[in-house]
Amino acid sequence: MNTDINPGPIVSVGIMEGRDQLRGWLDGRFRTEGGACLSGGFVAQTRDGQVIVSDEAGRAVARSPALRLSAEGHALLHLFGVVIGSRFHWERPEDQTFQGNLLILPRPDGTITAINEVPVEYYLTSVISSEMRAEGPLEFLKAHAIMSRSWLMAALERRKEPCRARPSARNVGSDSTDEIMRWYEREDHHLFDVCADDHCQRYHGITKIISPQAEVAVKATSGRVMTYRGAICDARYSKCCGGLTEDFKTAWEDRDIDYLTSISDASVSHLPCPTEEQATRWILAEPDAYCNVKDNRLLESVLPDFDQETKGFFRWTVGYTRHELEDILTAKSGINFGSLLDLTPLERGPSARISRLRIVGTERTITVGKELEIRRWLSRSHLYSSAFTVQTRRGSDGLPEIITLHGAGWGHGVGLCQIGAAAMASRGFSCEQILSHYFRHIAIEKVY
């Protein structure tokens, strides 16, 4: 990482939670706050509210209620079995390598939380190399660096504010309720600033090869963020919007954010699709859009290997038998719907993403939202997006036999479309033009 730039403030990143033990390797010298020097293989566990670190021979070498290991010089930290893509269709364990310090905290249930403390600019170089393959167009990587820095700095500013009630989940009614509305925000994190997974931003340390291109992008944009009316933008982004980006309130709380409103991701204007007729026509079409990329070389240059396993995400189709979908619904929701009768979209955003879906069964009828909860309930992992239409083939008894979902896009669709932004950069757009396309009426300012 370049050392001739201001590294920015320190950010604490939650790497692992809920583990009985933590295994890793200290490549170089790490020092505890008590002055002990550690290196080599280690195992961390909790006992009686204390973190106990043992060496490869099983000897306890450090003990503390909260154990911080500070890296000396260019020491590196290797953690084994870090889960990436948690609860998404690409979930898998991975051994990862990090710069910076390691903070190990015990939890009341006897498990461990592992936190990496690292300067913002180091963090961003990793994010760019983790979210996307850092071989993409430079202007795309620069736009991503400014956007990711904006998101992070806005989160750090918000954590300085006095605690206030901002529910990340809302359940309407009681056990007999007929509506469940949930959304998930970073305010869920109390022990660290941000997590290392897609819930926040992908951060895989320096496990992936940090390309010179990623370092150039971060250095060229050092300290620069997007602002709106003087405040740092709470920038959002997803993999592929499907041709129309989405309003903030479709995915999260019911409020409008001026720079997070739906736009046409194309050089031509596409109309919003909030009705069923409009949504069906839109989803079953192949509209011109920046993210409708046919160039496999561009996709290979920007998508990590595990993302390249996901094919056909601009437009996609998933099919279930009724029994398959009933099993999935019961497993994911914990609700016995009986025999599934219908899936009825009740409310859509401008990109055709469903924010309220009625699920009708012989035993229960439930309306579920918002977009991420819908995606979780209708797949053993996640649907690519909630922009889908429902096609039902019924048997002679009137019950569904086959339920087919035709969909558009990958992710919540709010803010910047990563595939679309990469395509724009490949066509010669600058990072400023890309950001102004997805985030309307923003300014770009240097904050450190």
Protein backbone atom coordinates (compact mmCIF):
# COMPACT_ATOMS: atom_id res chain seq x y z
CA MET A 1 0.00 0.00 0.00
CA ASN A 2 1.26 3.52 -0.79
CA THR A 3 2.72 5.25 2.26
CA ASP A 4 2.91 8.74 0.73
CA ILE A 5 -0.79 9.49 1.31
CA ASN A 6 -2.78 10.30 4.42
CA PRO A 7 -3.98 6.85 5.53
CA GLY A 8 -7.09 8.39 7.11
CA PRO A 9 -8.74 7.44 10.40
CA ILE A 10 -8.73 3.92 11.82
CA VAL A 11 -11.75 1.75 11.04
CA SER A 12 -12.68 -1.37 13.02
CA VAL A 13 -13.92 -4.20 10.80
CA GLY A 14 -15.73 -7.23 12.18
CA ILE A 15 -14.15 -10.27 10.53
CA MET A 16 -15.63 -13.19 12.49
CA GLU A 17 -18.45 -13.51 15.03
CA GLY A 18 -20.00 -16.34 17.01
CA ARG A 19 -16.97 -18.66 16.82
CA ASP A 20 -16.05 -21.09 19.59
CA GLN A 21 -12.41 -20.49 18.76
CA LEU A 22 -10.23 -18.47 16.44
CA ARG A 23 -7.30 -20.03 14.59
CA GLY A 24 -4.60 -18.19 12.71
CA TRP A 25 -0.96 -17.41 12.05
CA LEU A 26 0.97 -14.29 13.02
CA ASP A 27 3.51 -13.59 10.28
CA GLY A 28 5.87 -11.24 12.09
CA ARG A 29 5.76 -9.70 15.56
CA PHE A 30 2.51 -8.75 17.28
CA ARG A 31 2.53 -7.18 20.73
CA THR A 32 -0.14 -7.32 23.43
CA GLU A 33 -1.03 -4.26 25.52
CA GLY A 34 0.82 -5.98 28.38
CA GLY A 35 4.02 -6.01 26.33
CA ALA A 36 4.14 -9.71 25.39
CA CYS A 37 5.41 -10.45 21.87
CA LEU A 38 3.59 -13.11 19.81
CA SER A 39 4.28 -14.74 16.46
CA GLY A 40 3.53 -18.00 14.66
CA GLY A 41 0.42 -20.15 14.94
CA PHE A 42 -2.20 -19.41 17.58
CA VAL A 43 -5.60 -20.45 18.88
CA ALA A 44 -7.89 -18.03 20.75
CA GLN A 45 -10.74 -19.19 23.01
CA THR A 46 -12.76 -17.73 25.88
CA ARG A 47 -13.01 -18.92 29.46
CA ASP A 48 -14.74 -17.14 32.35
CA GLY A 49 -15.08 -13.93 30.33
CA GLN A 50 -11.38 -13.90 29.37
CA VAL A 51 -9.75 -14.31 25.96
CA ILE A 52 -6.98 -16.90 26.15
CA VAL A 53 -4.46 -17.17 23.31
CA SER A 54 -2.38 -20.34 23.05
CA ASP A 55 0.61 -21.05 20.84
CA GLU A 56 1.10 -24.05 18.55
CA ALA A 57 2.22 -26.18 21.49
CA GLY A 58 -1.00 -25.41 23.38
CA ARG A 59 0.68 -23.13 25.94
CA ALA A 60 -1.33 -20.08 27.05
CA VAL A 61 0.73 -17.04 26.02
CA ALA A 62 -1.78 -14.21 26.57
CA ARG A 63 -4.92 -13.67 28.61
CA SER A 64 -7.18 -10.60 28.82
CA PRO A 65 -10.88 -9.56 28.98
CA ALA A 66 -10.28 -7.90 25.59
CA LEU A 67 -7.09 -8.82 23.77
CA ARG A 68 -5.52 -6.47 21.23
CA LEU A 69 -2.57 -7.70 19.14
CA SER A 70 -0.75 -4.72 17.58
CA ALA A 71 1.27 -5.37 14.44
CA GLU A 72 4.90 -4.25 14.42
CA GLY A 73 6.48 -3.16 11.15
CA HIS A 74 5.07 -5.07 8.19
CA ALA A 75 3.67 -7.97 10.21
CA LEU A 76 0.68 -9.75 8.68
CA LEU A 77 -2.24 -11.59 10.26
CA HIS A 78 -3.65 -14.81 8.76
CA LEU A 79 -7.09 -16.01 9.93
CA PHE A 80 -8.36 -19.47 9.00
CA GLY A 81 -11.91 -20.37 7.94
CA VAL A 82 -13.36 -16.88 7.52
CA VAL A 83 -16.87 -17.20 6.03
CA ILE A 84 -17.52 -14.96 3.02
CA GLY A 85 -20.90 -14.36 1.34
CA SER A 86 -22.75 -15.26 4.53
CA ARG A 87 -26.28 -16.51 3.68
CA PHE A 88 -25.82 -15.61 0.00
CA HIS A 89 -25.53 -18.16 -2.81
CA TRP A 90 -21.71 -17.85 -2.92
CA GLU A 91 -21.16 -18.52 0.82
CA ARG A 92 -17.92 -20.37 1.57
CA PRO A 93 -15.01 -20.48 4.07
CA GLU A 94 -11.73 -18.84 3.12
CA ASP A 95 -8.35 -18.35 4.78
CA GLN A 96 -7.62 -14.62 4.78
CA THR A 97 -4.66 -12.29 5.35
CA PHE A 98 -4.84 -8.83 6.93
CA GLN A 99 -2.72 -5.81 7.68
CA GLY A 100 -3.18 -3.85 10.89
CA ASN A 101 -4.15 -4.93 14.40
CA LEU A 102 -6.35 -7.74 15.71
CA LEU A 103 -8.82 -7.16 18.54
CA ILE A 104 -10.36 -10.31 20.06
CA LEU A 105 -13.47 -9.88 22.23
CA PRO A 106 -15.33 -12.48 24.30
CA ARG A 107 -19.13 -12.66 24.10
CA PRO A 108 -21.51 -13.55 26.97
CA ASP A 109 -22.42 -16.80 25.19
CA GLY A 110 -18.78 -17.95 25.26
CA THR A 111 -18.04 -17.22 21.62
CA ILE A 112 -15.43 -14.92 20.10
CA THR A 113 -15.53 -11.82 17.90
CA ALA A 114 -12.45 -10.99 15.79
CA ILE A 115 -11.96 -7.37 14.69
CA ASN A 116 -9.35 -5.94 12.32
CA GLU A 117 -8.26 -2.35 13.02
CA VAL A 118 -6.85 -0.73 9.89
CA PRO A 119 -6.52 2.78 8.33
CA VAL A 120 -9.34 3.78 5.97
CA GLU A 121 -7.16 3.99 2.84
CA TYR A 122 -5.73 0.49 3.45
CA TYR A 123 -9.29 -0.76 4.00
CA LEU A 124 -10.46 0.79 0.72
CA THR A 125 -7.70 -0.80 -1.34
CA SER A 126 -8.89 -4.16 -0.05
CA VAL A 127 -12.58 -3.35 -0.60
CA ILE A 128 -11.98 -2.50 -4.24
CA SER A 129 -10.04 -5.74 -4.72
CA SER A 130 -12.70 -7.74 -2.81
CA GLU A 131 -15.90 -6.22 -4.23
CA MET A 132 -14.61 -6.36 -7.80
CA ARG A 133 -11.56 -7.67 -9.60
CA ALA A 134 -9.11 -4.78 -9.58
CA GLU A 135 -8.25 -5.21 -13.26
CA GLY A 136 -11.24 -3.20 -14.46
CA PRO A 137 -11.14 0.26 -16.05
CA LEU A 138 -9.29 2.77 -13.87
CA GLU A 139 -12.11 5.34 -13.90
CA PHE A 140 -14.48 2.67 -12.59
CA LEU A 141 -12.08 1.80 -9.77
CA LYS A 142 -11.66 5.49 -8.92
CA ALA A 143 -15.45 5.94 -8.82
CA HIS A 144 -15.71 2.88 -6.59
CA ALA A 145 -13.02 4.23 -4.25
CA ILE A 146 -14.83 7.57 -3.81
CA MET A 147 -18.18 5.83 -3.35
CA SER A 148 -16.89 3.24 -0.85
CA ARG A 149 -15.04 5.94 1.09
CA SER A 150 -18.25 8.00 1.20
CA TRP A 151 -20.25 5.08 2.53
CA LEU A 152 -17.64 4.33 5.18
CA MET A 153 -17.08 7.92 6.31
CA ALA A 154 -20.85 8.48 6.57
CA ALA A 155 -21.06 5.34 8.74
CA LEU A 156 -18.23 6.54 10.97
CA GLU A 157 -19.88 9.95 11.35
CA ARG A 158 -23.18 8.31 12.27
CA ARG A 159 -21.52 6.20 14.98
CA LYS A 160 -20.43 9.43 16.68
CA GLU A 161 -24.05 10.54 17.07
CA PRO A 162 -25.97 9.87 20.29
CA CYS A 163 -27.81 6.56 20.23
CA ARG A 164 -31.24 6.84 18.71
CA ALA A 165 -33.93 4.34 17.91
CA ARG A 166 -33.63 3.23 14.30
CA PRO A 167 -35.23 -0.19 14.01
CA SER A 168 -33.68 -2.51 11.47
CA ALA A 169 -36.68 -4.80 11.66
CA ARG A 170 -40.38 -4.13 12.09
CA ASN A 171 -42.93 -6.86 12.85
CA VAL A 172 -46.50 -5.69 12.62
CA GLY A 173 -48.93 -7.35 15.02
CA SER A 174 -48.49 -10.46 17.17
CA ASP A 175 -48.17 -14.19 16.52
CA SER A 176 -51.30 -13.97 14.43
CA THR A 177 -49.88 -11.06 12.41
CA ASP A 178 -50.43 -11.07 8.68
CA GLU A 179 -47.54 -8.74 7.78
CA ILE A 180 -43.79 -8.95 8.40
CA MET A 181 -41.60 -6.08 7.19
CA ARG A 182 -37.83 -6.31 7.76
CA TRP A 183 -34.78 -4.50 6.52
CA TYR A 184 -31.19 -4.71 7.60
CA GLU A 185 -28.83 -1.83 8.32
CA ARG A 186 -25.26 -1.46 9.55
CA GLU A 187 -26.64 -0.10 12.86
CA ASP A 188 -26.87 -3.80 13.78
CA HIS A 189 -23.12 -3.68 14.54
CA HIS A 190 -22.26 -2.58 18.07
CA LEU A 191 -18.74 -3.92 18.67
CA PHE A 192 -17.17 -2.58 15.47
CA ASP A 193 -17.73 0.06 12.80
CA VAL A 194 -18.53 -2.19 9.83
CA CYS A 195 -18.54 -5.89 9.01
CA ALA A 196 -16.39 -7.53 6.35
CA ASP A 197 -19.20 -9.05 4.30
CA ASP A 198 -21.83 -7.94 1.78
CA HIS A 199 -24.06 -6.63 4.59
CA CYS A 200 -21.61 -3.68 4.62
CA GLN A 201 -18.77 -3.85 2.09
CA ARG A 202 -16.72 -6.87 1.08
CA TYR A 203 -13.39 -6.69 2.87
CA HIS A 204 -11.13 -9.69 2.45
CA GLY A 205 -7.94 -8.04 3.67
CA ILE A 206 -5.03 -8.59 1.30
CA THR A 207 -6.09 -12.18 0.57
CA LYS A 208 -6.85 -11.23 -3.02
CA ILE A 209 -3.97 -9.90 -5.07
CA ILE A 210 -3.90 -6.13 -4.53
CA SER A 211 -3.22 -4.88 -8.04
CA PRO A 212 -1.26 -1.69 -8.78
CA GLN A 213 -4.46 -0.47 -10.46
CA ALA A 214 -6.37 -0.61 -7.15
CA GLU A 215 -3.60 1.26 -5.33
CA VAL A 216 -3.54 3.91 -8.07
CA ALA A 217 -7.33 4.35 -7.80
CA VAL A 218 -7.22 4.83 -4.02
CA LYS A 219 -4.19 7.12 -4.14
CA ALA A 220 -5.69 9.25 -6.95
CA THR A 221 -8.87 9.80 -4.93
CA SER A 222 -7.33 9.92 -1.44
CA GLY A 223 -9.66 11.58 1.07
CA ARG A 224 -12.33 12.38 -1.55
CA VAL A 225 -16.00 11.71 -0.83
CA MET A 226 -19.39 12.50 -2.30
CA THR A 227 -21.42 15.13 -0.46
CA TYR A 228 -24.99 16.35 -0.73
CA ARG A 229 -25.87 19.72 0.79
CA GLY A 230 -22.66 19.63 2.80
CA ALA A 231 -23.12 16.15 4.32
CA ILE A 232 -21.19 13.04 3.29
CA CYS A 233 -23.39 10.78 1.18
CA ASP A 234 -24.56 7.46 2.55
CA ALA A 235 -23.65 5.88 -0.78
CA ARG A 236 -25.20 2.52 -1.71
CA TYR A 237 -24.43 0.14 -4.55
CA SER A 238 -25.29 -3.29 -5.89
CA LYS A 239 -23.96 -5.64 -8.53
CA CYS A 240 -26.47 -5.16 -11.37
CA CYS A 241 -29.56 -2.93 -11.29
CA GLY A 242 -31.17 -4.58 -14.32
CA GLY A 243 -31.53 -1.31 -16.27
CA LEU A 244 -33.29 0.83 -13.66
CA THR A 245 -31.89 1.67 -10.24
CA GLU A 246 -34.17 1.63 -7.19
CA ASP A 247 -35.38 4.10 -4.55
CA PHE A 248 -33.78 3.87 -1.10
CA LYS A 249 -37.14 3.29 0.61
CA THR A 250 -37.84 0.11 -1.37
CA ALA A 251 -34.94 -1.62 0.37
CA TRP A 252 -34.69 0.20 3.71
CA GLU A 253 -36.69 2.54 5.91
CA ASP A 254 -39.59 4.58 4.53
CA ARG A 255 -37.86 7.84 3.74
CA ASP A 256 -36.71 9.56 0.58
CA ILE A 257 -33.03 10.34 0.01
CA ASP A 258 -32.63 12.71 -2.92
CA TYR A 259 -29.40 11.21 -4.23
CA LEU A 260 -30.68 7.61 -3.84
CA THR A 261 -33.63 7.72 -6.22
CA SER A 262 -34.32 5.62 -9.29
CA ILE A 263 -32.59 6.52 -12.55
CA SER A 264 -32.40 4.91 -15.98
CA ASP A 265 -29.09 3.09 -16.29
CA ALA A 266 -28.78 3.82 -19.98
CA SER A 267 -28.08 6.55 -22.50
CA VAL A 268 -31.82 6.48 -23.24
CA SER A 269 -34.64 7.03 -20.76
CA HIS A 270 -36.57 4.05 -19.40
CA LEU A 271 -39.85 4.68 -17.60
CA PRO A 272 -40.41 3.44 -14.01
CA CYS A 273 -42.20 0.08 -13.66
CA PRO A 274 -44.24 0.13 -10.43
CA THR A 275 -47.36 -1.63 -11.84
CA GLU A 276 -47.68 -5.34 -12.61
CA GLU A 277 -48.22 -4.75 -16.31
CA GLN A 278 -45.21 -2.43 -16.55
CA ALA A 279 -43.05 -4.74 -14.43
CA THR A 280 -43.87 -7.81 -16.51
CA ARG A 281 -43.16 -6.03 -19.77
CA TRP A 282 -39.87 -4.65 -18.40
CA ILE A 283 -38.59 -7.89 -16.86
CA LEU A 284 -39.39 -10.02 -19.90
CA ALA A 285 -37.62 -7.54 -22.21
CA GLU A 286 -33.91 -7.07 -22.99
CA PRO A 287 -33.68 -3.27 -22.75
CA ASP A 288 -30.62 -1.26 -23.68
CA ALA A 289 -28.72 -0.57 -20.45
CA TYR A 290 -25.15 -0.04 -19.36
CA CYS A 291 -25.36 -3.17 -17.20
CA ASN A 292 -26.70 -5.31 -20.06
CA VAL A 293 -23.13 -6.38 -20.81
CA LYS A 294 -22.43 -8.99 -23.48
CA ASP A 295 -18.65 -8.53 -23.39
CA ASN A 296 -17.35 -11.43 -21.30
CA ARG A 297 -13.87 -9.88 -21.24
CA LEU A 298 -15.23 -6.84 -19.39
CA LEU A 299 -17.08 -9.05 -16.90
CA GLU A 300 -13.96 -11.15 -16.32
CA SER A 301 -11.95 -7.98 -15.69
CA VAL A 302 -14.28 -6.69 -12.95
CA LEU A 303 -15.93 -9.73 -11.31
CA PRO A 304 -14.09 -11.87 -8.72
CA ASP A 305 -13.91 -15.57 -9.54
CA PHE A 306 -16.76 -16.54 -7.20
CA ASP A 307 -19.02 -13.83 -8.70
CA GLN A 308 -18.29 -15.18 -12.18
CA GLU A 309 -20.01 -18.39 -11.05
CA THR A 310 -23.26 -16.38 -11.17
CA LYS A 311 -24.45 -16.40 -14.77
CA GLY A 312 -27.26 -14.52 -16.50
CA PHE A 313 -27.94 -11.94 -13.81
CA PHE A 314 -29.25 -9.12 -16.04
CA ARG A 315 -32.29 -11.31 -16.73
CA TRP A 316 -32.79 -14.65 -14.99
CA THR A 317 -35.33 -17.44 -14.36
CA VAL A 318 -35.84 -19.70 -11.33
CA GLY A 319 -38.39 -22.52 -11.20
CA TYR A 320 -39.83 -24.54 -8.30
CA THR A 321 -42.37 -27.26 -7.81
CA ARG A 322 -45.02 -26.26 -5.29
CA HIS A 323 -43.64 -28.73 -2.74
CA GLU A 324 -40.10 -27.38 -3.17
CA LEU A 325 -41.20 -23.82 -2.57
CA GLU A 326 -43.38 -24.82 0.40
CA ASP A 327 -40.34 -26.49 2.00
CA ILE A 328 -38.18 -23.42 1.36
CA LEU A 329 -40.80 -21.04 2.77
CA THR A 330 -41.20 -23.11 5.93
CA ALA A 331 -37.43 -23.39 6.43
CA LYS A 332 -36.68 -19.71 5.80
CA SER A 333 -39.69 -18.09 7.51
CA GLY A 334 -40.48 -20.61 10.26
CA ILE A 335 -44.13 -20.40 9.20
CA ASN A 336 -46.34 -23.30 8.09
CA PHE A 337 -48.31 -21.94 5.14
CA GLY A 338 -49.96 -25.28 4.41
CA SER A 339 -50.45 -25.80 0.68
CA LEU A 340 -49.17 -22.80 -1.25
CA LEU A 341 -51.92 -21.14 -3.26
CA ASP A 342 -50.47 -17.87 -4.56
CA LEU A 343 -47.64 -15.33 -4.61
CA THR A 344 -49.02 -11.83 -5.20
CA PRO A 345 -46.84 -8.71 -5.49
CA LEU A 346 -48.58 -5.85 -3.66
CA GLU A 347 -46.05 -3.05 -3.99
CA ARG A 348 -43.12 -2.42 -6.31
CA GLY A 349 -40.48 0.27 -6.63
CA PRO A 350 -39.60 2.07 -9.88
CA SER A 351 -37.19 -0.71 -10.95
CA ALA A 352 -39.96 -3.33 -10.52
CA ARG A 353 -38.41 -4.61 -7.28
CA ILE A 354 -41.09 -5.91 -4.95
CA SER A 355 -41.18 -4.38 -1.48
CA ARG A 356 -44.39 -6.14 -0.31
CA LEU A 357 -45.31 -9.67 -1.37
CA ARG A 358 -48.41 -11.57 -0.25
CA ILE A 359 -47.90 -15.31 0.26
CA VAL A 360 -51.21 -17.18 0.34
CA GLY A 361 -51.46 -20.69 1.79
CA THR A 362 -54.23 -22.92 3.06
CA GLU A 363 -53.01 -22.41 6.65
CA ARG A 364 -51.59 -18.88 6.67
CA THR A 365 -51.52 -15.77 4.54
CA ILE A 366 -48.59 -13.43 5.17
CA THR A 367 -47.41 -10.23 3.52
CA VAL A 368 -43.60 -10.04 3.64
CA GLY A 369 -41.07 -7.28 2.87
CA LYS A 370 -38.80 -5.60 2.22
CA GLU A 371 -36.79 -6.64 -0.81
CA LEU A 372 -34.03 -8.58 0.97
CA GLU A 373 -36.45 -10.52 3.18
CA ILE A 374 -38.45 -11.48 0.09
CA ARG A 375 -35.27 -12.71 -1.59
CA ARG A 376 -34.38 -14.77 1.49
CA TRP A 377 -37.80 -16.37 1.86
CA LEU A 378 -38.02 -17.52 -1.77
CA SER A 379 -34.64 -19.23 -2.08
CA ARG A 380 -32.47 -21.65 -0.14
CA SER A 381 -29.84 -18.89 -0.31
CA HIS A 382 -31.05 -15.65 -1.93
CA LEU A 383 -32.87 -14.74 -5.10
CA TYR A 384 -30.74 -12.47 -7.26
CA SER A 385 -33.24 -9.64 -6.72
CA SER A 386 -36.88 -8.96 -5.84
CA ALA A 387 -37.59 -7.65 -9.36
CA PHE A 388 -39.49 -10.68 -10.60
CA THR A 389 -42.80 -11.76 -12.06
CA VAL A 390 -44.63 -14.91 -10.99
CA GLN A 391 -45.78 -17.47 -13.55
CA THR A 392 -47.88 -20.31 -12.12
CA ARG A 393 -48.88 -23.56 -13.81
CA ARG A 394 -51.79 -25.15 -11.97
CA GLY A 395 -52.98 -28.74 -11.82
CA SER A 396 -56.51 -30.05 -12.28
CA ASP A 397 -57.17 -29.44 -8.57
CA GLY A 398 -56.39 -25.74 -8.99
CA LEU A 399 -53.24 -25.92 -6.86
CA PRO A 400 -49.94 -24.67 -8.27
CA GLU A 401 -47.73 -27.37 -9.76
CA ILE A 402 -44.84 -25.25 -11.05
CA ILE A 403 -43.97 -21.70 -9.94
CA THR A 404 -41.57 -19.85 -12.23
CA LEU A 405 -39.97 -16.54 -11.30
CA HIS A 406 -38.65 -14.40 -14.15
CA GLY A 407 -36.33 -11.74 -12.74
CA ALA A 408 -34.11 -8.75 -13.44
CA GLY A 409 -30.82 -7.68 -11.86
CA TRP A 410 -28.64 -8.77 -8.97
CA GLY A 411 -28.92 -7.01 -5.62
CA HIS A 412 -31.08 -4.26 -4.14
CA GLY A 413 -30.49 -1.92 -7.08
CA VAL A 414 -30.09 1.26 -5.00
CA GLY A 415 -27.37 3.75 -5.97
CA LEU A 416 -24.49 2.73 -8.19
CA CYS A 417 -24.75 -0.32 -10.43
CA GLN A 418 -21.29 -1.93 -10.39
CA ILE A 419 -21.61 -3.65 -13.77
CA GLY A 420 -23.15 -0.54 -15.31
CA ALA A 421 -20.42 1.70 -13.89
CA ALA A 422 -17.70 -0.58 -15.26
CA ALA A 423 -19.37 -0.50 -18.68
CA MET A 424 -19.57 3.30 -18.55
CA ALA A 425 -15.85 3.51 -17.76
CA SER A 426 -15.06 1.18 -20.65
CA ARG A 427 -16.92 3.62 -22.92
CA GLY A 428 -14.79 6.54 -21.79
CA PHE A 429 -16.82 8.12 -18.97
CA SER A 430 -14.79 9.68 -16.13
CA CYS A 431 -15.22 8.71 -12.49
CA GLU A 432 -16.96 12.06 -11.85
CA GLN A 433 -19.40 11.44 -14.73
CA ILE A 434 -20.12 7.93 -13.46
CA LEU A 435 -20.86 9.10 -9.92
CA SER A 436 -23.02 12.01 -11.14
CA HIS A 437 -25.02 9.57 -13.26
CA TYR A 438 -25.95 7.30 -10.36
CA PHE A 439 -26.04 9.88 -7.53
CA ARG A 440 -27.84 12.99 -8.74
CA HIS A 441 -26.89 16.50 -7.55
CA ILE A 442 -23.87 15.39 -5.52
CA ALA A 443 -20.53 17.16 -5.13
CA ILE A 444 -17.11 15.58 -4.65
CA GLU A 445 -14.98 17.04 -1.85
CA LYS A 446 -11.72 16.20 -0.09
CA VAL A 447 -12.24 15.66 3.66
CA TYR A 448 -8.69 14.67 4.68
